[in-house]
């Protein structure tokens, strides 16, 4: 887990916002599918923010569609995005 955490900082990650009534189900399915979410903070009863790796984001969007939740990218962080910027 630590290696994946460090690798996500080098490669890049998204700060996402998940909105919907089945957020706990979304998180549980992500854990079951080995999608690493960290920095999870509940803002309201139906809204959380979290961080997710770039590769895991595509799979998480499919899970969110099945759980009737909405996933939005709020911020992009990492070396990859700094290089793209310049």
N, C-alpha and C. Protein backbone atom coordinates (compact mmCIF):
# COMPACT_ATOMS: atom_id res chain seq x y z
N UNK A 1 0.82 -1.19 0.00
CA UNK A 1 0.00 0.00 0.00
C UNK A 1 0.87 1.27 0.00
N UNK A 2 1.93 1.26 0.77
CA UNK A 2 2.80 2.43 0.83
C UNK A 2 3.43 2.72 -0.52
N UNK A 3 3.84 1.65 -1.22
CA UNK A 3 4.43 1.83 -2.53
C UNK A 3 3.44 2.47 -3.50
N UNK A 4 2.20 2.00 -3.47
CA UNK A 4 1.18 2.54 -4.36
C UNK A 4 0.87 4.00 -4.00
N UNK A 5 0.91 4.31 -2.72
CA UNK A 5 0.67 5.67 -2.25
C UNK A 5 1.74 6.63 -2.80
N UNK A 6 3.01 6.23 -2.70
CA UNK A 6 4.12 7.06 -3.20
C UNK A 6 4.07 7.15 -4.72
N UNK A 7 3.76 6.04 -5.37
CA UNK A 7 3.68 6.02 -6.83
C UNK A 7 2.59 6.96 -7.34
N UNK A 8 1.48 7.04 -6.62
CA UNK A 8 0.40 7.94 -7.03
C UNK A 8 0.83 9.40 -6.96
N UNK A 9 1.68 9.76 -6.02
CA UNK A 9 2.16 11.14 -5.96
C UNK A 9 3.08 11.44 -7.13
N UNK A 10 3.87 10.47 -7.55
CA UNK A 10 4.78 10.69 -8.67
C UNK A 10 4.01 10.73 -9.99
N UNK A 11 3.16 9.74 -10.21
CA UNK A 11 2.40 9.66 -11.46
C UNK A 11 1.30 10.70 -11.50
N UNK A 12 0.60 10.87 -10.40
CA UNK A 12 -0.50 11.83 -10.32
C UNK A 12 -1.75 11.17 -9.77
N UNK A 13 -2.63 11.99 -9.25
CA UNK A 13 -3.90 11.51 -8.73
C UNK A 13 -4.94 12.60 -8.84
N UNK A 14 -6.20 12.20 -8.69
CA UNK A 14 -7.32 13.11 -8.75
C UNK A 14 -7.90 13.29 -7.36
N UNK A 15 -8.31 14.51 -7.03
CA UNK A 15 -9.17 14.76 -5.89
C UNK A 15 -10.59 14.71 -6.44
N UNK A 16 -11.37 13.77 -5.93
CA UNK A 16 -12.71 13.57 -6.48
C UNK A 16 -13.77 13.90 -5.44
N UNK A 17 -14.96 14.14 -5.94
CA UNK A 17 -16.14 14.36 -5.10
C UNK A 17 -17.17 13.34 -5.53
N UNK A 18 -17.70 12.60 -4.58
CA UNK A 18 -18.70 11.58 -4.84
C UNK A 18 -20.01 12.03 -4.20
N UNK A 19 -21.06 12.07 -5.00
CA UNK A 19 -22.35 12.55 -4.53
C UNK A 19 -23.41 11.51 -4.84
N UNK A 20 -24.23 11.19 -3.87
CA UNK A 20 -25.31 10.22 -4.05
C UNK A 20 -25.70 9.59 -2.72
N UNK A 21 -26.73 8.77 -2.76
CA UNK A 21 -27.23 8.17 -1.54
C UNK A 21 -26.55 6.86 -1.18
N UNK A 22 -25.81 6.25 -2.13
CA UNK A 22 -25.18 4.96 -1.89
C UNK A 22 -23.66 5.08 -1.85
N UNK A 23 -23.17 6.06 -1.12
CA UNK A 23 -21.72 6.31 -1.04
C UNK A 23 -21.00 5.17 -0.35
N UNK A 24 -21.57 4.63 0.73
CA UNK A 24 -20.92 3.53 1.45
C UNK A 24 -20.79 2.31 0.55
N UNK A 25 -21.82 2.06 -0.25
CA UNK A 25 -21.77 0.94 -1.19
C UNK A 25 -20.66 1.17 -2.22
N UNK A 26 -20.53 2.40 -2.71
CA UNK A 26 -19.47 2.75 -3.66
C UNK A 26 -18.09 2.47 -3.06
N UNK A 27 -17.86 2.91 -1.83
CA UNK A 27 -16.57 2.70 -1.17
C UNK A 27 -16.30 1.21 -0.98
N UNK A 28 -17.30 0.46 -0.54
CA UNK A 28 -17.11 -0.97 -0.32
C UNK A 28 -16.78 -1.72 -1.60
N UNK A 29 -17.44 -1.38 -2.69
CA UNK A 29 -17.15 -2.04 -3.96
C UNK A 29 -15.76 -1.65 -4.46
N UNK A 30 -15.37 -0.40 -4.27
CA UNK A 30 -14.02 0.02 -4.65
C UNK A 30 -12.97 -0.77 -3.88
N UNK A 31 -13.18 -0.96 -2.59
CA UNK A 31 -12.24 -1.75 -1.79
C UNK A 31 -12.19 -3.19 -2.26
N UNK A 32 -13.34 -3.73 -2.60
CA UNK A 32 -13.41 -5.11 -3.08
C UNK A 32 -12.67 -5.27 -4.41
N UNK A 33 -12.73 -4.26 -5.26
CA UNK A 33 -12.08 -4.30 -6.57
C UNK A 33 -10.63 -3.79 -6.53
N UNK A 34 -10.08 -3.59 -5.33
CA UNK A 34 -8.70 -3.12 -5.13
C UNK A 34 -8.45 -1.74 -5.74
N UNK A 35 -9.44 -0.89 -5.63
CA UNK A 35 -9.29 0.51 -6.02
C UNK A 35 -8.96 1.28 -4.75
N UNK A 36 -7.78 1.91 -4.73
CA UNK A 36 -7.27 2.54 -3.53
C UNK A 36 -7.80 3.97 -3.43
N UNK A 37 -8.61 4.24 -2.43
CA UNK A 37 -9.10 5.59 -2.11
C UNK A 37 -8.46 6.01 -0.80
N UNK A 38 -7.98 7.24 -0.72
CA UNK A 38 -7.43 7.72 0.55
C UNK A 38 -7.85 9.17 0.76
N UNK A 39 -7.72 9.62 1.99
CA UNK A 39 -8.12 10.98 2.34
C UNK A 39 -9.61 11.19 2.21
N UNK A 40 -10.38 10.18 2.58
CA UNK A 40 -11.83 10.27 2.46
C UNK A 40 -12.39 11.15 3.58
N UNK A 41 -13.15 12.16 3.17
CA UNK A 41 -13.77 13.09 4.12
C UNK A 41 -15.24 13.24 3.75
N UNK A 42 -16.11 13.03 4.73
CA UNK A 42 -17.55 13.20 4.50
C UNK A 42 -17.90 14.66 4.72
N UNK A 43 -18.47 15.29 3.70
CA UNK A 43 -18.89 16.68 3.78
C UNK A 43 -20.34 16.80 4.25
N UNK A 44 -21.21 15.99 3.66
CA UNK A 44 -22.62 15.93 4.04
C UNK A 44 -22.99 14.45 4.08
N UNK A 45 -24.23 14.16 4.38
CA UNK A 45 -24.65 12.76 4.44
C UNK A 45 -24.61 12.10 3.08
N UNK A 46 -24.67 12.86 2.02
CA UNK A 46 -24.65 12.28 0.68
C UNK A 46 -23.49 12.79 -0.17
N UNK A 47 -22.41 13.27 0.47
CA UNK A 47 -21.30 13.84 -0.27
C UNK A 47 -19.98 13.55 0.44
N UNK A 48 -19.00 13.02 -0.30
CA UNK A 48 -17.66 12.81 0.24
C UNK A 48 -16.64 13.34 -0.74
N UNK A 49 -15.43 13.62 -0.24
CA UNK A 49 -14.29 13.90 -1.09
C UNK A 49 -13.23 12.85 -0.79
N UNK A 50 -12.44 12.52 -1.80
CA UNK A 50 -11.40 11.51 -1.64
C UNK A 50 -10.34 11.72 -2.71
N UNK A 51 -9.26 10.97 -2.60
CA UNK A 51 -8.19 10.99 -3.59
C UNK A 51 -8.11 9.61 -4.21
N UNK A 52 -7.84 9.58 -5.52
CA UNK A 52 -7.80 8.32 -6.25
C UNK A 52 -6.76 8.41 -7.35
N UNK A 53 -6.10 7.29 -7.63
CA UNK A 53 -5.10 7.24 -8.69
C UNK A 53 -5.74 7.39 -10.06
N UNK A 54 -4.94 7.80 -11.03
CA UNK A 54 -5.44 8.04 -12.38
C UNK A 54 -5.99 6.77 -13.00
N UNK A 55 -5.27 5.67 -12.87
CA UNK A 55 -5.70 4.41 -13.47
C UNK A 55 -6.97 3.88 -12.81
N UNK A 56 -7.08 4.08 -11.50
CA UNK A 56 -8.25 3.59 -10.78
C UNK A 56 -9.50 4.42 -11.04
N UNK A 57 -9.32 5.63 -11.52
CA UNK A 57 -10.46 6.54 -11.71
C UNK A 57 -11.45 6.00 -12.74
N UNK A 58 -10.95 5.44 -13.83
CA UNK A 58 -11.85 4.94 -14.88
C UNK A 58 -12.72 3.80 -14.36
N UNK A 59 -12.11 2.89 -13.58
CA UNK A 59 -12.89 1.79 -13.01
C UNK A 59 -13.88 2.29 -11.98
N UNK A 60 -13.49 3.31 -11.21
CA UNK A 60 -14.38 3.87 -10.18
C UNK A 60 -15.59 4.55 -10.81
N UNK A 61 -15.42 5.16 -11.98
CA UNK A 61 -16.57 5.78 -12.66
C UNK A 61 -17.61 4.75 -13.05
N UNK A 62 -17.17 3.57 -13.47
CA UNK A 62 -18.10 2.51 -13.82
C UNK A 62 -18.84 2.01 -12.58
N UNK A 63 -18.13 1.89 -11.48
CA UNK A 63 -18.74 1.47 -10.22
C UNK A 63 -19.75 2.51 -9.76
N UNK A 64 -19.39 3.79 -9.90
CA UNK A 64 -20.30 4.87 -9.48
C UNK A 64 -21.58 4.83 -10.29
N UNK A 65 -21.48 4.52 -11.56
CA UNK A 65 -22.68 4.44 -12.41
C UNK A 65 -23.61 3.34 -11.91
N UNK A 66 -23.02 2.20 -11.49
CA UNK A 66 -23.83 1.10 -10.99
C UNK A 66 -24.43 1.39 -9.62
N UNK A 67 -23.76 2.23 -8.82
CA UNK A 67 -24.23 2.56 -7.47
C UNK A 67 -25.11 3.81 -7.44
N UNK A 68 -25.41 4.36 -8.59
CA UNK A 68 -26.23 5.56 -8.70
C UNK A 68 -25.63 6.74 -7.94
N UNK A 69 -24.31 6.89 -8.09
CA UNK A 69 -23.61 8.05 -7.52
C UNK A 69 -22.93 8.80 -8.64
N UNK A 70 -22.54 10.03 -8.37
CA UNK A 70 -21.87 10.88 -9.35
C UNK A 70 -20.45 11.16 -8.86
N UNK A 71 -19.46 10.93 -9.72
CA UNK A 71 -18.07 11.19 -9.38
C UNK A 71 -17.58 12.34 -10.24
N UNK A 72 -17.02 13.37 -9.60
CA UNK A 72 -16.50 14.54 -10.30
C UNK A 72 -15.05 14.76 -9.89
N UNK A 73 -14.22 15.14 -10.84
CA UNK A 73 -12.83 15.49 -10.55
C UNK A 73 -12.80 16.95 -10.14
N UNK A 74 -12.25 17.22 -8.95
CA UNK A 74 -12.17 18.59 -8.46
C UNK A 74 -10.77 19.19 -8.66
N UNK A 75 -9.73 18.33 -8.60
CA UNK A 75 -8.37 18.83 -8.72
C UNK A 75 -7.48 17.71 -9.21
N UNK A 76 -6.49 18.07 -10.03
CA UNK A 76 -5.51 17.11 -10.52
C UNK A 76 -4.17 17.45 -9.89
N UNK A 77 -3.51 16.45 -9.31
CA UNK A 77 -2.26 16.68 -8.60
C UNK A 77 -1.22 15.65 -9.05
N UNK A 78 0.03 16.08 -9.15
CA UNK A 78 1.09 15.14 -9.44
C UNK A 78 2.05 15.66 -10.51
N UNK A 79 3.13 14.93 -10.67
CA UNK A 79 4.18 15.30 -11.61
C UNK A 79 3.68 15.31 -13.05
N UNK A 80 2.83 14.37 -13.38
CA UNK A 80 2.28 14.28 -14.73
C UNK A 80 1.56 15.56 -15.13
N UNK A 81 0.79 16.13 -14.25
CA UNK A 81 0.01 17.32 -14.57
C UNK A 81 0.89 18.58 -14.57
N UNK A 82 1.94 18.57 -13.77
CA UNK A 82 2.88 19.70 -13.79
C UNK A 82 3.61 19.75 -15.12
N UNK A 83 4.01 18.59 -15.61
CA UNK A 83 4.69 18.53 -16.91
C UNK A 83 3.75 18.94 -18.03
N UNK A 84 2.50 18.48 -17.98
CA UNK A 84 1.52 18.88 -19.01
C UNK A 84 1.27 20.38 -19.00
N UNK A 85 1.34 20.98 -17.82
CA UNK A 85 1.10 22.42 -17.69
C UNK A 85 2.18 23.23 -18.39
N UNK A 86 3.43 22.77 -18.27
CA UNK A 86 4.54 23.51 -18.85
C UNK A 86 4.97 22.91 -20.16
